[in-house]
N, C-alpha and C. Protein backbone atom coordinates (compact mmCIF):
# COMPACT_ATOMS: atom_id res chain seq x y z
N UNK A 1 18.26 -172.47 -93.42
CA UNK A 1 19.18 -172.46 -94.34
C UNK A 1 20.56 -172.48 -93.04
N UNK A 2 20.55 -171.34 -92.78
CA UNK A 2 21.80 -171.02 -91.85
C UNK A 2 22.94 -171.03 -92.24
N UNK A 3 23.71 -172.09 -92.16
CA UNK A 3 25.11 -171.84 -92.59
C UNK A 3 25.59 -171.96 -93.71
N UNK A 4 24.37 -173.11 -94.26
CA UNK A 4 24.20 -173.16 -95.55
C UNK A 4 24.16 -171.79 -96.71
N UNK A 5 23.50 -171.30 -96.10
CA UNK A 5 22.79 -170.69 -97.00
C UNK A 5 23.81 -169.15 -97.30
N UNK A 6 24.82 -169.43 -95.45
CA UNK A 6 26.27 -168.03 -95.61
C UNK A 6 27.34 -168.78 -96.58
N UNK A 7 27.61 -170.06 -96.68
CA UNK A 7 28.51 -170.78 -97.43
C UNK A 7 28.55 -170.79 -98.48
N UNK A 8 26.74 -170.60 -98.96
CA UNK A 8 26.52 -170.27 -100.82
C UNK A 8 27.40 -168.81 -100.99
N UNK A 9 27.28 -167.50 -100.31
CA UNK A 9 27.11 -166.81 -100.60
C UNK A 9 28.52 -166.33 -101.20
N UNK A 10 29.94 -166.98 -99.80
CA UNK A 10 31.31 -167.33 -100.13
C UNK A 10 31.61 -168.08 -100.94
N UNK A 11 30.83 -169.01 -101.25
CA UNK A 11 31.44 -169.70 -102.41
C UNK A 11 31.41 -169.51 -103.54
N UNK A 12 30.20 -169.09 -104.13
CA UNK A 12 30.36 -168.34 -105.44
C UNK A 12 31.23 -168.02 -106.34
N UNK A 13 31.63 -169.26 -107.02
CA UNK A 13 33.01 -168.91 -108.54
C UNK A 13 32.89 -167.24 -109.13
N UNK A 14 33.55 -166.81 -109.10
CA UNK A 14 33.53 -165.26 -110.08
C UNK A 14 33.36 -165.04 -111.19
N UNK A 15 33.49 -166.69 -111.84
CA UNK A 15 32.64 -166.76 -112.99
C UNK A 15 30.69 -167.25 -113.11
N UNK A 16 30.36 -166.99 -111.94
CA UNK A 16 29.27 -167.56 -111.80
C UNK A 16 28.87 -168.63 -111.93
N UNK A 17 27.30 -168.98 -111.92
CA UNK A 17 27.11 -170.16 -111.81
C UNK A 17 27.23 -171.16 -112.81
N UNK A 18 28.03 -171.04 -114.11
CA UNK A 18 27.51 -171.90 -115.36
C UNK A 18 28.73 -172.91 -114.89
N UNK A 19 29.81 -173.08 -113.54
CA UNK A 19 30.49 -173.89 -113.50
C UNK A 19 30.17 -174.34 -111.88
N UNK A 20 30.67 -175.37 -111.85
CA UNK A 20 30.17 -175.95 -110.13
C UNK A 20 31.37 -175.66 -109.41
N UNK A 21 31.24 -175.00 -108.71
CA UNK A 21 32.25 -174.40 -107.22
C UNK A 21 33.28 -175.44 -107.34
N UNK A 22 34.72 -175.11 -106.74
CA UNK A 22 35.75 -175.59 -106.75
C UNK A 22 36.08 -177.36 -105.92
N UNK A 23 34.85 -177.07 -105.09
CA UNK A 23 34.98 -177.89 -104.05
C UNK A 23 33.42 -179.11 -104.59
N UNK A 24 32.81 -178.79 -105.81
CA UNK A 24 31.55 -179.74 -106.89
C UNK A 24 30.42 -179.29 -106.17
N UNK A 25 30.41 -178.49 -105.85
CA UNK A 25 28.81 -177.95 -105.50
C UNK A 25 27.83 -177.09 -106.48
N UNK A 26 26.92 -177.52 -106.26
CA UNK A 26 26.28 -176.99 -107.52
C UNK A 26 25.10 -175.95 -107.30
N UNK A 27 25.41 -175.20 -106.37
CA UNK A 27 24.62 -174.02 -106.28
C UNK A 27 24.65 -173.05 -107.08
N UNK A 28 23.50 -172.42 -107.21
CA UNK A 28 23.29 -171.54 -108.72
C UNK A 28 23.10 -172.20 -109.57
N UNK A 29 22.81 -173.76 -109.65
CA UNK A 29 22.14 -174.47 -111.01
C UNK A 29 20.95 -175.11 -111.09
N UNK A 30 21.03 -175.72 -111.98
CA UNK A 30 19.06 -176.24 -111.77
C UNK A 30 19.74 -177.84 -111.78
N UNK A 31 18.84 -178.25 -111.25
CA UNK A 31 18.42 -179.68 -111.08
C UNK A 31 17.27 -179.67 -112.07
N UNK A 32 17.27 -181.00 -112.90
CA UNK A 32 16.37 -181.66 -113.28
C UNK A 32 16.06 -183.19 -113.16
N UNK A 33 15.03 -183.39 -112.92
CA UNK A 33 14.12 -184.50 -112.19
C UNK A 33 14.37 -185.52 -113.59
N UNK A 34 15.19 -186.75 -113.17
CA UNK A 34 15.29 -187.86 -114.56
C UNK A 34 13.33 -189.04 -113.98
N UNK A 35 12.80 -188.80 -115.37
CA UNK A 35 11.15 -189.67 -115.22
C UNK A 35 11.92 -191.01 -114.23
N UNK A 36 12.55 -191.45 -113.94
CA UNK A 36 12.32 -192.82 -113.54
C UNK A 36 13.06 -192.93 -111.84
N UNK A 37 12.85 -191.27 -111.51
CA UNK A 37 13.09 -191.07 -109.92
C UNK A 37 11.85 -191.48 -109.36
N UNK A 38 11.30 -191.57 -109.10
CA UNK A 38 10.05 -192.33 -108.40
C UNK A 38 9.39 -191.99 -107.26
N UNK A 39 9.64 -190.46 -107.36
CA UNK A 39 9.57 -189.53 -105.97
C UNK A 39 8.09 -188.38 -106.53
N UNK A 40 6.94 -188.68 -106.45
CA UNK A 40 5.89 -187.88 -107.04
C UNK A 40 6.16 -186.75 -106.53
N UNK A 41 6.97 -186.46 -105.79
CA UNK A 41 6.73 -185.02 -105.08
C UNK A 41 8.03 -183.69 -105.78
N UNK A 42 8.99 -184.87 -106.73
CA UNK A 42 9.53 -184.63 -107.84
C UNK A 42 9.40 -184.52 -109.11
N UNK A 43 8.35 -185.83 -109.17
CA UNK A 43 7.97 -185.59 -110.66
C UNK A 43 8.34 -184.47 -111.46
N UNK A 44 8.61 -184.77 -112.56
CA UNK A 44 9.06 -183.66 -113.36
C UNK A 44 9.22 -182.22 -113.37
N UNK A 45 10.63 -182.14 -112.12
CA UNK A 45 10.14 -180.90 -111.26
C UNK A 45 11.90 -179.96 -112.26
N UNK A 46 12.22 -179.07 -112.53
CA UNK A 46 12.92 -177.81 -112.15
C UNK A 46 13.49 -177.85 -111.06
N UNK A 47 14.30 -177.47 -110.90
CA UNK A 47 15.16 -176.80 -109.18
C UNK A 47 16.10 -175.80 -109.22
N UNK A 48 15.80 -174.97 -108.74
CA UNK A 48 17.13 -173.81 -109.01
C UNK A 48 17.85 -174.25 -107.55
N UNK A 49 18.85 -174.82 -106.95
CA UNK A 49 19.90 -175.06 -105.68
C UNK A 49 20.22 -173.46 -105.42
N UNK A 50 19.53 -173.19 -104.17
CA UNK A 50 20.43 -171.94 -103.73
C UNK A 50 21.29 -172.30 -102.75
N UNK A 51 21.69 -173.39 -102.07
CA UNK A 51 22.68 -173.74 -101.26
C UNK A 51 23.09 -175.49 -101.32
N UNK A 52 24.14 -175.53 -101.77
CA UNK A 52 24.76 -176.55 -101.56
C UNK A 52 25.57 -176.64 -101.28
N UNK A 53 26.39 -177.43 -99.84
CA UNK A 53 27.71 -177.71 -99.63
C UNK A 53 27.60 -178.59 -98.59
N UNK A 54 28.87 -179.01 -98.17
CA UNK A 54 28.94 -180.27 -97.04
C UNK A 54 27.92 -180.62 -96.09
N UNK A 55 26.99 -179.56 -95.92
CA UNK A 55 26.10 -179.76 -94.95
C UNK A 55 24.68 -180.06 -95.35
N UNK A 56 24.87 -180.18 -96.92
CA UNK A 56 23.36 -180.64 -97.23
C UNK A 56 23.16 -179.64 -98.56
N UNK A 57 22.19 -179.92 -99.03
CA UNK A 57 21.63 -178.54 -99.85
C UNK A 57 19.89 -178.19 -99.54
N UNK A 58 19.70 -177.29 -100.54
CA UNK A 58 18.26 -176.59 -100.31
C UNK A 58 18.19 -175.84 -101.62
N UNK A 59 16.86 -175.93 -101.90
CA UNK A 59 16.29 -175.72 -103.67
C UNK A 59 14.91 -175.13 -103.57
N UNK A 60 14.91 -174.25 -104.68
CA UNK A 60 13.37 -174.48 -104.74
C UNK A 60 12.77 -174.72 -106.21
N UNK A 61 11.61 -175.23 -106.30
CA UNK A 61 11.28 -176.09 -107.71
C UNK A 61 10.27 -174.80 -107.90
N UNK A 62 11.18 -174.72 -109.21
CA UNK A 62 10.76 -173.28 -110.35
C UNK A 62 9.46 -173.40 -111.43
N UNK A 63 8.93 -174.99 -111.31
CA UNK A 63 8.40 -175.24 -112.60
C UNK A 63 6.41 -176.25 -112.49
N UNK A 64 6.17 -175.91 -110.56
CA UNK A 64 4.78 -176.80 -109.98
C UNK A 64 4.06 -175.89 -109.55
N UNK A 65 2.95 -175.00 -110.32
CA UNK A 65 2.45 -174.16 -109.77
C UNK A 65 1.49 -174.58 -108.40
N UNK A 66 1.32 -173.82 -108.00
CA UNK A 66 0.53 -173.89 -106.33
C UNK A 66 -1.13 -173.63 -106.68
N UNK A 67 -1.31 -174.70 -107.51
CA UNK A 67 -2.67 -174.74 -107.69
C UNK A 67 -3.06 -173.71 -107.64
N UNK A 68 -4.58 -173.12 -106.94
CA UNK A 68 -5.73 -172.11 -107.61
C UNK A 68 -5.14 -170.95 -106.92
N UNK A 69 -3.88 -170.45 -105.88
CA UNK A 69 -3.48 -169.73 -105.00
C UNK A 69 -2.82 -169.09 -106.31
N UNK A 70 -3.59 -167.59 -106.44
CA UNK A 70 -2.92 -166.44 -107.25
C UNK A 70 -2.21 -165.34 -106.32
N UNK A 71 -1.69 -164.67 -106.69
CA UNK A 71 -0.34 -163.62 -105.63
C UNK A 71 -1.47 -162.89 -105.06
N UNK A 72 -1.86 -162.24 -105.70
CA UNK A 72 -2.86 -160.85 -105.33
C UNK A 72 -4.00 -161.43 -104.03
N UNK A 73 -4.47 -162.70 -104.21
CA UNK A 73 -5.05 -163.26 -102.90
C UNK A 73 -4.42 -163.75 -101.67
N UNK A 74 -3.01 -164.07 -101.85
CA UNK A 74 -2.40 -164.03 -101.22
C UNK A 74 -1.48 -162.87 -100.42
N UNK A 75 -1.81 -161.98 -101.25
CA UNK A 75 -1.08 -160.39 -100.37
C UNK A 75 -3.07 -159.98 -99.53
N UNK A 76 -3.76 -160.38 -99.96
CA UNK A 76 -4.88 -160.16 -99.27
C UNK A 76 -5.30 -160.91 -97.59
N UNK A 77 -4.63 -162.13 -98.10
CA UNK A 77 -4.64 -162.98 -96.69
C UNK A 77 -3.54 -162.39 -95.65
N UNK A 78 -2.60 -162.38 -96.34
CA UNK A 78 -1.85 -161.64 -95.31
C UNK A 78 -1.74 -160.30 -94.75
N UNK A 79 -2.98 -159.54 -95.65
CA UNK A 79 -3.34 -158.65 -95.01
C UNK A 79 -2.37 -157.45 -95.82
N UNK A 80 -1.50 -157.45 -96.60
CA UNK A 80 -0.80 -156.62 -97.07
C UNK A 80 -0.69 -155.54 -98.16
N UNK A 81 -2.64 -156.20 -98.59
CA UNK A 81 -3.06 -155.09 -99.73
C UNK A 81 -4.34 -154.98 -98.57
N UNK A 82 -5.30 -154.03 -99.24
CA UNK A 82 -7.08 -154.42 -98.62
C UNK A 82 -7.66 -155.22 -99.19
N UNK A 83 -8.59 -155.62 -99.26
CA UNK A 83 -9.87 -156.79 -99.79
C UNK A 83 -10.46 -155.58 -101.19
N UNK A 84 -9.81 -156.07 -102.16
CA UNK A 84 -10.56 -155.25 -103.26
C UNK A 84 -9.30 -154.41 -103.65
N UNK A 85 -8.53 -154.08 -103.16
CA UNK A 85 -7.29 -153.50 -104.15
C UNK A 85 -6.56 -154.13 -105.01
N UNK A 86 -7.12 -155.25 -105.54
CA UNK A 86 -5.87 -155.84 -106.23
C UNK A 86 -5.82 -155.34 -107.60
N UNK A 87 -6.81 -153.94 -107.99
CA UNK A 87 -7.07 -153.31 -108.84
C UNK A 87 -5.55 -152.77 -109.69
N UNK A 88 -5.44 -152.29 -108.25
CA UNK A 88 -4.07 -151.21 -107.64
C UNK A 88 -2.56 -151.41 -107.28
N UNK A 89 -2.76 -152.80 -107.59
CA UNK A 89 -1.56 -153.46 -107.92
C UNK A 89 -0.72 -153.06 -109.20
N UNK A 90 1.01 -153.29 -109.42
CA UNK A 90 1.83 -152.92 -110.06
C UNK A 90 1.24 -154.04 -110.94
N UNK A 91 2.09 -153.98 -112.36
CA UNK A 91 1.80 -155.03 -113.73
C UNK A 91 2.30 -156.32 -112.92
N UNK A 92 3.76 -156.23 -112.52
CA UNK A 92 4.32 -158.04 -112.47
C UNK A 92 4.08 -158.02 -111.28
N UNK A 93 3.40 -157.66 -110.20
CA UNK A 93 2.37 -158.12 -108.42
C UNK A 93 1.46 -158.89 -108.98
N UNK A 94 0.76 -158.31 -109.89
CA UNK A 94 -0.86 -158.66 -110.52
C UNK A 94 -0.35 -160.30 -111.17
N UNK A 95 0.60 -160.41 -112.01
CA UNK A 95 0.99 -161.79 -112.74
C UNK A 95 2.04 -162.47 -111.96
N UNK A 96 2.19 -162.28 -110.96
CA UNK A 96 3.46 -162.95 -110.17
C UNK A 96 3.57 -164.65 -110.22
N UNK A 97 3.77 -165.40 -111.11
CA UNK A 97 3.51 -166.77 -110.46
C UNK A 97 3.86 -166.89 -108.41
N UNK A 98 2.61 -168.08 -108.34
CA UNK A 98 2.91 -168.75 -106.80
C UNK A 98 3.10 -170.30 -107.24
N UNK A 99 4.19 -170.48 -106.88
CA UNK A 99 4.67 -172.13 -107.08
C UNK A 99 5.05 -173.09 -105.76
N UNK A 100 4.89 -174.37 -106.00
CA UNK A 100 4.77 -175.23 -104.71
C UNK A 100 6.59 -175.47 -104.67
N UNK A 101 6.77 -174.73 -104.11
CA UNK A 101 8.77 -174.98 -104.19
C UNK A 101 8.92 -175.82 -103.30
N UNK A 102 8.61 -177.19 -102.84
CA UNK A 102 8.88 -178.19 -102.19
C UNK A 102 8.22 -178.36 -100.87
N UNK A 103 8.19 -179.78 -100.32
CA UNK A 103 7.98 -180.38 -99.70
C UNK A 103 8.26 -179.95 -98.41
N UNK A 104 9.14 -179.07 -98.07
CA UNK A 104 9.32 -178.49 -96.67
C UNK A 104 9.00 -177.39 -96.18
N UNK A 105 8.43 -176.89 -95.03
CA UNK A 105 8.17 -175.54 -94.65
C UNK A 105 7.14 -175.69 -95.48
N UNK A 106 6.02 -175.99 -96.35
CA UNK A 106 5.54 -175.64 -97.24
C UNK A 106 4.22 -174.21 -96.70
N UNK A 107 4.26 -173.63 -95.58
CA UNK A 107 3.58 -172.76 -95.08
C UNK A 107 4.23 -171.29 -94.96
N UNK A 108 5.22 -171.37 -95.63
CA UNK A 108 6.45 -170.27 -95.61
C UNK A 108 7.14 -169.94 -96.74
N UNK A 109 6.87 -168.94 -97.43
CA UNK A 109 6.79 -168.47 -98.51
C UNK A 109 8.26 -167.91 -99.10
N UNK A 110 9.12 -168.19 -99.49
CA UNK A 110 10.52 -167.89 -100.60
C UNK A 110 10.53 -167.67 -102.14
N UNK A 111 10.71 -166.27 -101.80
CA UNK A 111 11.00 -165.15 -103.19
C UNK A 111 12.47 -165.39 -104.22
N UNK A 112 12.22 -166.25 -105.30
CA UNK A 112 13.49 -166.18 -105.48
C UNK A 112 13.35 -164.61 -106.30
N UNK A 113 14.54 -163.96 -106.76
CA UNK A 113 14.08 -162.49 -107.77
C UNK A 113 15.22 -162.24 -108.28
N UNK A 114 15.04 -161.67 -109.22
CA UNK A 114 16.55 -160.81 -109.68
C UNK A 114 16.72 -160.08 -108.44
N UNK A 115 18.49 -159.67 -108.63
CA UNK A 115 19.54 -159.06 -108.06
C UNK A 115 19.25 -157.56 -107.55
N UNK A 116 18.28 -156.77 -108.79
CA UNK A 116 18.33 -155.68 -108.27
C UNK A 116 17.37 -155.03 -107.16
N UNK A 117 16.95 -155.83 -106.13
CA UNK A 117 16.35 -155.97 -105.09
C UNK A 117 17.39 -156.40 -104.23
N UNK A 118 17.67 -155.97 -102.53
CA UNK A 118 18.58 -156.19 -101.48
C UNK A 118 17.68 -155.61 -100.56
N UNK A 119 17.80 -156.97 -99.52
CA UNK A 119 17.01 -156.25 -97.64
C UNK A 119 18.36 -156.60 -96.89
N UNK A 120 19.26 -156.09 -96.35
CA UNK A 120 20.30 -156.07 -95.49
C UNK A 120 19.66 -157.33 -94.34
N UNK A 121 20.93 -158.26 -94.46
CA UNK A 121 20.77 -159.34 -93.41
C UNK A 121 19.37 -160.32 -94.19
N UNK A 122 18.67 -160.10 -94.66
CA UNK A 122 17.56 -160.99 -95.17
C UNK A 122 17.61 -161.66 -96.33
N UNK A 123 18.14 -161.09 -97.38
CA UNK A 123 18.35 -161.56 -98.82
C UNK A 123 19.81 -162.63 -99.02
N UNK A 124 19.63 -163.41 -99.24
CA UNK A 124 20.93 -164.20 -100.30
C UNK A 124 21.07 -164.03 -101.35
N UNK A 125 22.23 -163.83 -101.84
CA UNK A 125 22.56 -163.36 -102.72
C UNK A 125 23.28 -164.44 -103.49
N UNK A 126 22.63 -165.34 -104.37
CA UNK A 126 23.37 -166.87 -104.40
C UNK A 126 24.11 -166.66 -106.03
N UNK A 127 24.02 -165.86 -106.70
CA UNK A 127 24.68 -165.20 -108.00
C UNK A 127 24.84 -164.08 -108.37
N UNK A 128 25.24 -163.56 -109.38
CA UNK A 128 25.29 -162.03 -109.99
C UNK A 128 23.77 -161.99 -110.11
N UNK A 129 23.13 -162.49 -110.98
CA UNK A 129 21.39 -162.47 -111.03
C UNK A 129 20.64 -163.11 -110.07
N UNK A 130 20.63 -163.58 -109.30
CA UNK A 130 19.54 -164.17 -108.34
C UNK A 130 19.70 -164.65 -107.09
N UNK A 131 18.74 -163.81 -106.29
CA UNK A 131 18.36 -163.81 -105.05
C UNK A 131 17.44 -164.41 -104.09
N UNK A 132 17.63 -164.74 -102.52
CA UNK A 132 16.53 -165.17 -102.34
C UNK A 132 15.72 -164.74 -100.82
N UNK A 133 14.88 -164.12 -101.01
CA UNK A 133 14.75 -163.43 -99.50
C UNK A 133 12.98 -164.05 -99.12
N UNK A 134 12.98 -163.98 -97.67
CA UNK A 134 12.42 -165.15 -97.49
C UNK A 134 11.41 -164.41 -96.25
N UNK A 135 11.45 -162.87 -96.31
CA UNK A 135 10.38 -162.26 -95.05
C UNK A 135 9.51 -161.57 -96.15
N UNK A 136 8.47 -161.24 -95.50
CA UNK A 136 6.94 -160.41 -95.40
C UNK A 136 7.19 -158.75 -96.46
N UNK A 137 9.15 -158.41 -96.44
CA UNK A 137 8.91 -156.85 -96.52
C UNK A 137 9.35 -156.94 -98.09
N UNK A 138 9.74 -158.00 -99.08
CA UNK A 138 9.79 -158.11 -100.50
C UNK A 138 8.52 -158.22 -101.04
N UNK A 139 7.71 -159.13 -99.88
CA UNK A 139 5.77 -159.16 -100.93
C UNK A 139 5.46 -157.73 -100.70
N UNK A 140 5.62 -156.59 -99.55
CA UNK A 140 5.07 -155.33 -99.03
C UNK A 140 5.82 -154.37 -100.37
N UNK A 141 6.86 -154.98 -100.85
CA UNK A 141 7.63 -153.77 -102.03
C UNK A 141 7.45 -154.45 -103.17
N UNK A 142 6.68 -155.94 -103.52
CA UNK A 142 6.52 -156.23 -105.03
C UNK A 142 5.14 -155.71 -104.89
N UNK A 143 4.30 -155.40 -104.12
CA UNK A 143 2.78 -155.26 -103.62
C UNK A 143 2.88 -153.35 -104.46
N UNK A 144 4.02 -152.52 -103.61
CA UNK A 144 4.05 -151.18 -103.58
C UNK A 144 4.61 -150.41 -105.01
N UNK A 145 5.55 -151.30 -105.76
CA UNK A 145 5.84 -151.00 -107.23
C UNK A 145 7.61 -151.30 -106.88
N UNK A 146 7.80 -151.56 -105.66
CA UNK A 146 9.45 -151.21 -105.44
C UNK A 146 10.36 -152.37 -105.61
N UNK A 147 9.21 -153.60 -105.76
CA UNK A 147 10.48 -154.47 -105.03
C UNK A 147 11.17 -154.58 -106.69
N UNK A 148 11.82 -156.02 -106.90
CA UNK A 148 12.21 -156.61 -108.23
C UNK A 148 11.62 -156.80 -109.06
N UNK A 149 12.68 -156.48 -110.50
CA UNK A 149 12.13 -156.45 -111.91
C UNK A 149 11.27 -157.89 -112.15
N UNK A 150 12.05 -159.22 -111.71
CA UNK A 150 11.51 -160.46 -111.76
C UNK A 150 11.66 -161.35 -110.94
N UNK A 151 10.62 -161.78 -110.41
CA UNK A 151 10.23 -162.99 -109.37
C UNK A 151 9.24 -163.54 -109.24
N UNK A 152 9.91 -164.71 -108.50
CA UNK A 152 8.32 -165.81 -107.86
C UNK A 152 8.53 -165.97 -106.81
N UNK A 153 7.13 -166.53 -106.32
CA UNK A 153 7.05 -167.25 -104.97
C UNK A 153 6.95 -168.53 -104.67
N UNK A 154 7.87 -168.80 -104.02
CA UNK A 154 7.30 -170.77 -103.85
C UNK A 154 7.32 -171.13 -102.37
N UNK A 155 6.06 -171.33 -102.40
CA UNK A 155 5.57 -172.16 -101.01
C UNK A 155 6.06 -173.03 -100.76
N UNK A 156 7.72 -172.94 -99.48
CA UNK A 156 8.04 -174.57 -99.43
C UNK A 156 9.36 -174.51 -100.50
N UNK A 157 10.10 -175.40 -99.89
CA UNK A 157 11.61 -175.66 -100.03
C UNK A 157 11.93 -177.29 -100.27
N UNK A 158 12.57 -177.67 -101.06
CA UNK A 158 13.61 -179.01 -101.09
C UNK A 158 14.28 -178.54 -100.51
N UNK A 159 14.43 -179.55 -99.74
CA UNK A 159 16.05 -179.80 -98.57
C UNK A 159 17.01 -181.29 -98.95
N UNK A 160 17.72 -181.41 -98.46
CA UNK A 160 18.77 -182.73 -98.78
C UNK A 160 19.51 -182.69 -97.23
N UNK A 161 19.80 -183.61 -96.40
CA UNK A 161 20.29 -184.06 -95.61
C UNK A 161 22.35 -184.08 -96.24
N UNK A 162 23.15 -183.80 -95.30
CA UNK A 162 24.42 -183.96 -95.96
C UNK A 162 24.61 -185.44 -96.87
N UNK A 163 25.37 -184.99 -97.80
CA UNK A 163 25.31 -186.17 -99.12
C UNK A 163 24.53 -186.91 -99.80
N UNK A 164 23.63 -186.09 -99.30
CA UNK A 164 21.86 -187.34 -99.99
C UNK A 164 22.02 -186.67 -101.51
N UNK A 165 21.99 -185.50 -101.31
CA UNK A 165 21.69 -184.74 -103.33
C UNK A 165 22.86 -185.83 -103.68
N UNK A 166 23.76 -185.61 -103.72
CA UNK A 166 25.72 -186.25 -104.29
C UNK A 166 25.13 -187.76 -104.29
N UNK A 167 24.30 -188.52 -103.60
CA UNK A 167 23.90 -189.76 -103.68
C UNK A 167 22.58 -189.87 -104.67
N UNK A 168 21.61 -189.40 -104.75
CA UNK A 168 20.42 -189.22 -105.38
C UNK A 168 20.99 -189.12 -106.75
N UNK A 169 22.31 -188.07 -106.88
CA UNK A 169 22.56 -187.64 -108.42
C UNK A 169 23.16 -188.93 -108.87
N UNK A 170 24.16 -189.87 -108.10
CA UNK A 170 24.61 -190.83 -108.79
C UNK A 170 23.80 -191.84 -109.12
N UNK A 171 22.91 -191.74 -108.80
CA UNK A 171 21.74 -193.15 -108.79
C UNK A 171 20.78 -192.92 -109.88
N UNK A 172 20.89 -191.68 -110.50
CA UNK A 172 20.58 -191.08 -111.97
C UNK A 172 19.35 -190.40 -111.74
N UNK A 173 18.68 -190.24 -110.41
CA UNK A 173 17.90 -189.23 -110.07
C UNK A 173 17.48 -187.96 -110.86
N UNK A 174 18.90 -187.56 -110.62
CA UNK A 174 18.89 -186.11 -111.65
C UNK A 174 19.73 -185.33 -112.26
N UNK A 175 19.78 -184.64 -112.82
CA UNK A 175 20.17 -184.24 -113.95
C UNK A 175 20.45 -182.69 -113.77
N UNK A 176 21.82 -182.24 -114.33
CA UNK A 176 21.86 -180.37 -113.78
C UNK A 176 22.54 -179.62 -115.31
N UNK A 177 21.71 -178.26 -114.95
CA UNK A 177 22.50 -177.74 -115.98
C UNK A 177 23.01 -176.54 -115.73
N UNK A 178 23.53 -175.39 -116.38
CA UNK A 178 23.42 -173.97 -115.90
C UNK A 178 21.64 -173.23 -115.97
N UNK A 179 22.05 -172.15 -114.99
CA UNK A 179 20.34 -172.05 -114.73
C UNK A 179 20.44 -170.49 -115.72
N UNK A 180 19.31 -170.15 -115.93
CA UNK A 180 19.00 -168.76 -116.80
C UNK A 180 18.08 -168.59 -116.07
N UNK A 181 18.12 -167.31 -116.18
CA UNK A 181 16.68 -166.42 -115.59
C UNK A 181 15.71 -166.62 -116.29
N UNK A 182 15.05 -166.92 -117.76
CA UNK A 182 14.10 -167.35 -118.11
C UNK A 182 13.26 -168.81 -117.74
N UNK A 183 14.73 -169.81 -117.11
CA UNK A 183 13.94 -171.15 -116.83
C UNK A 183 13.67 -170.83 -115.49
N UNK A 184 13.99 -170.02 -114.57
CA UNK A 184 13.95 -169.20 -113.39
C UNK A 184 12.42 -168.87 -113.37
N UNK A 185 12.64 -167.72 -113.91
CA UNK A 185 11.13 -166.41 -113.60
C UNK A 185 10.21 -166.48 -114.94
N UNK A 186 10.60 -167.47 -115.96
CA UNK A 186 9.63 -167.67 -116.85
C UNK A 186 8.21 -167.94 -116.49
N UNK A 187 7.36 -167.39 -117.60
CA UNK A 187 5.73 -167.38 -117.36
C UNK A 187 5.32 -168.47 -117.90
N UNK A 188 6.19 -169.34 -118.89
CA UNK A 188 5.79 -170.77 -119.11
C UNK A 188 6.06 -171.91 -118.39
N UNK A 189 5.60 -171.48 -117.09
CA UNK A 189 5.86 -172.52 -115.47
C UNK A 189 5.81 -173.84 -116.31
N UNK A 190 4.62 -174.38 -117.22
CA UNK A 190 4.57 -175.80 -117.62
C UNK A 190 5.71 -176.36 -118.57
N UNK A 191 6.19 -175.34 -119.76
CA UNK A 191 7.01 -175.91 -120.72
C UNK A 191 8.45 -175.79 -119.83
N UNK A 192 8.42 -175.46 -118.55
CA UNK A 192 9.98 -175.26 -118.17
C UNK A 192 10.99 -176.75 -118.30
N UNK A 193 9.85 -177.61 -118.07
CA UNK A 193 11.16 -178.80 -117.99
C UNK A 193 11.22 -179.55 -119.13
N UNK A 194 10.66 -179.70 -119.97
CA UNK A 194 11.29 -179.85 -121.64
C UNK A 194 12.30 -178.65 -122.35
N UNK A 195 12.05 -177.35 -121.62
CA UNK A 195 13.11 -176.46 -122.00
C UNK A 195 14.92 -176.76 -121.23
N UNK A 196 14.07 -177.21 -120.25
CA UNK A 196 15.48 -177.63 -119.18
C UNK A 196 16.55 -178.72 -120.11
N UNK A 197 15.40 -179.61 -120.13
CA UNK A 197 16.21 -180.66 -121.01
C UNK A 197 16.54 -180.70 -122.30
N UNK A 198 15.75 -179.81 -123.10
CA UNK A 198 16.47 -179.78 -124.27
C UNK A 198 17.82 -178.66 -124.36
N UNK A 199 17.83 -177.76 -123.06
CA UNK A 199 18.96 -177.09 -122.80
C UNK A 199 20.67 -177.77 -122.67
N UNK A 200 20.13 -179.09 -122.08
CA UNK A 200 21.36 -179.93 -122.11
C UNK A 200 21.12 -181.45 -123.05
N UNK A 201 20.45 -180.90 -124.11
CA UNK A 201 20.54 -181.67 -125.12
C UNK A 201 19.94 -182.90 -125.51
N UNK A 202 18.75 -182.76 -124.26
CA UNK A 202 18.17 -183.96 -124.78
C UNK A 202 16.36 -183.72 -125.03
N UNK A 203 16.21 -184.56 -125.98
CA UNK A 203 14.90 -184.27 -126.39
C UNK A 203 13.84 -185.52 -125.23
N UNK A 204 12.80 -184.36 -125.20
CA UNK A 204 12.02 -184.68 -123.92
C UNK A 204 11.31 -185.70 -124.54
N UNK A 205 10.93 -186.09 -125.48
CA UNK A 205 10.27 -187.28 -126.42
C UNK A 205 11.23 -188.38 -126.12
N UNK A 206 12.03 -188.54 -126.43
CA UNK A 206 13.21 -189.26 -126.10
C UNK A 206 12.93 -190.40 -124.47
N UNK A 207 12.99 -189.33 -123.84
CA UNK A 207 12.70 -189.67 -122.67
C UNK A 207 11.09 -190.18 -121.67
N UNK A 208 10.60 -191.55 -121.33
CA UNK A 208 9.67 -191.56 -120.85
C UNK A 208 9.50 -192.58 -119.47
N UNK A 209 8.55 -192.13 -118.83
CA UNK A 209 7.99 -192.73 -117.69
C UNK A 209 8.34 -194.09 -117.56
N UNK A 210 8.37 -194.97 -119.01
CA UNK A 210 8.60 -196.14 -119.17
C UNK A 210 10.06 -196.75 -118.55
N UNK A 211 10.73 -195.64 -118.93
CA UNK A 211 12.58 -196.11 -119.06
C UNK A 211 12.80 -196.94 -117.82
N UNK A 212 13.80 -197.83 -117.88
CA UNK A 212 14.20 -198.36 -116.09
C UNK A 212 13.08 -199.30 -115.48
N UNK A 213 12.11 -199.43 -116.59
CA UNK A 213 11.11 -200.33 -115.92
C UNK A 213 10.67 -201.77 -116.80
N UNK A 214 11.83 -201.81 -117.45
CA UNK A 214 11.70 -203.00 -119.17
C UNK A 214 12.18 -204.10 -117.86
């Protein structure tokens, strides 16, 4: 993430993420894949943009489950909890969603979380309500009950080179809308795509994968 991450913290407008910042960047907003995108890695995806600047963009897909992996198993694999200790986990840790965050760095975990939790020099504050932390310390905190109130764990992230995301938006690959906590952290992962479309006034039933193939 490097300087793109630092820039995000500096550039978020005082009004919050509802309005793109003065340079037209979309950090703190949601990208919604158009059905005609044609890239299977991002099909029907909703992506929370953590950083967007002249240097490129980085985001986390918030609606693609990571298959059969569950959070307590992951904690065991990382040695954060002992085998069989799942029963002692706080409720929000036991039910925490593990998502496929994107095709880059898929062996690494990225936690999007509410801003009631912060680790100095490790947490990136994206807007007033959402932060990103990618260290194992936040997983330990969640396991022992001292972590953020709301969080999702994503394996991997989505990244764009300078100017690439703008080009994809112009070619109708992506729509974008204001972010809200339920679309980011909500349990109804499978319904997030339809909900995001409805949020910007689009009936999901009107968009089909056949669009553009006429």
